């Protein structure tokens, strides 16, 4: 249960999202927002950008990783 009242909490979410995406850009030069309309409409340009700039990308919004090269995915699955 959050200690912050719900109306105030809803104001912080967009700010927190922008902060996490900015952090991603500073770390890797790329931010990957799975929920953005442009990525949902056509994710392939973002996949290409990730593969070129940061093939093992830390996604701060979902606290996870995006691997975009076959060899990297294979290595993780075999480890």
Protein backbone atom coordinates (compact mmCIF):
# COMPACT_ATOMS: atom_id res chain seq x y z
CA UNK A 1 0.00 0.00 0.00
CA UNK A 2 1.35 3.39 -1.00
CA UNK A 3 1.70 6.13 1.58
CA UNK A 4 1.16 8.78 -1.10
CA UNK A 5 -2.51 9.68 -1.77
CA UNK A 6 -3.68 8.31 -5.13
CA UNK A 7 -4.30 11.71 -6.85
CA UNK A 8 -0.78 12.84 -5.99
CA UNK A 9 0.70 9.47 -6.96
CA UNK A 10 -0.87 9.74 -10.42
CA UNK A 11 0.91 13.07 -10.91
CA UNK A 12 4.31 11.49 -10.18
CA UNK A 13 4.01 8.58 -12.61
CA UNK A 14 4.61 10.60 -15.82
CA UNK A 15 7.52 12.41 -14.19
CA UNK A 16 9.04 9.14 -13.00
CA UNK A 17 8.59 7.60 -16.46
CA UNK A 18 10.37 10.53 -18.14
CA UNK A 19 13.16 10.35 -15.54
CA UNK A 20 13.72 6.64 -16.17
CA UNK A 21 13.74 7.12 -19.95
CA UNK A 22 16.20 10.00 -19.58
CA UNK A 23 18.40 7.78 -17.44
CA UNK A 24 18.36 5.16 -20.22
CA UNK A 25 19.42 7.75 -22.79
CA UNK A 26 22.28 8.92 -20.60
CA UNK A 27 23.49 5.34 -20.05
CA UNK A 28 23.20 3.99 -23.56
CA UNK A 29 22.14 6.69 -26.00
CA UNK A 30 18.79 4.97 -26.54
CA UNK A 31 15.53 4.88 -24.60
CA UNK A 32 13.05 2.08 -25.15
CA UNK A 33 9.47 2.77 -24.08
CA UNK A 34 7.42 -0.34 -24.80
CA UNK A 35 4.20 1.60 -24.28
CA UNK A 36 4.80 4.50 -26.67
CA UNK A 37 2.40 4.77 -29.58
CA UNK A 38 5.18 4.83 -32.17
CA UNK A 39 6.78 1.62 -30.83
CA UNK A 40 3.40 -0.12 -30.57
CA UNK A 41 2.53 0.89 -34.14
CA UNK A 42 5.87 -0.20 -35.64
CA UNK A 43 8.56 -1.58 -33.28
CA UNK A 44 11.09 -2.51 -35.98
CA UNK A 45 12.85 0.87 -36.27
CA UNK A 46 13.41 0.82 -32.49
CA UNK A 47 14.70 -2.75 -32.67
CA UNK A 48 17.15 -1.69 -35.39
CA UNK A 49 18.33 1.30 -33.34
CA UNK A 50 18.80 -0.87 -30.26
CA UNK A 51 20.72 -3.48 -32.26
CA UNK A 52 23.06 -0.79 -33.65
CA UNK A 53 23.58 1.39 -30.56
CA UNK A 54 23.01 -0.84 -27.53
CA UNK A 55 22.39 -4.52 -28.37
CA UNK A 56 22.27 -5.48 -24.67
CA UNK A 57 19.98 -2.74 -23.38
CA UNK A 58 18.87 -2.13 -19.79
CA UNK A 59 15.18 -1.14 -19.80
CA UNK A 60 14.62 0.99 -16.70
CA UNK A 61 10.81 1.20 -17.00
CA UNK A 62 10.33 -2.55 -16.66
CA UNK A 63 13.55 -3.24 -14.75
CA UNK A 64 14.72 -5.72 -17.34
CA UNK A 65 16.97 -6.26 -20.32
CA UNK A 66 16.42 -6.28 -24.08
CA UNK A 67 18.81 -8.42 -26.11
CA UNK A 68 18.61 -7.81 -29.84
CA UNK A 69 21.27 -10.10 -31.31
CA UNK A 70 20.81 -13.83 -31.81
CA UNK A 71 24.25 -14.75 -30.43
CA UNK A 72 23.64 -12.79 -27.22
CA UNK A 73 20.24 -14.41 -26.66
CA UNK A 74 21.70 -17.84 -27.32
CA UNK A 75 24.55 -17.23 -24.86
CA UNK A 76 22.09 -16.15 -22.12
CA UNK A 77 19.86 -19.16 -22.70
CA UNK A 78 22.81 -21.55 -22.61
CA UNK A 79 24.30 -20.03 -19.44
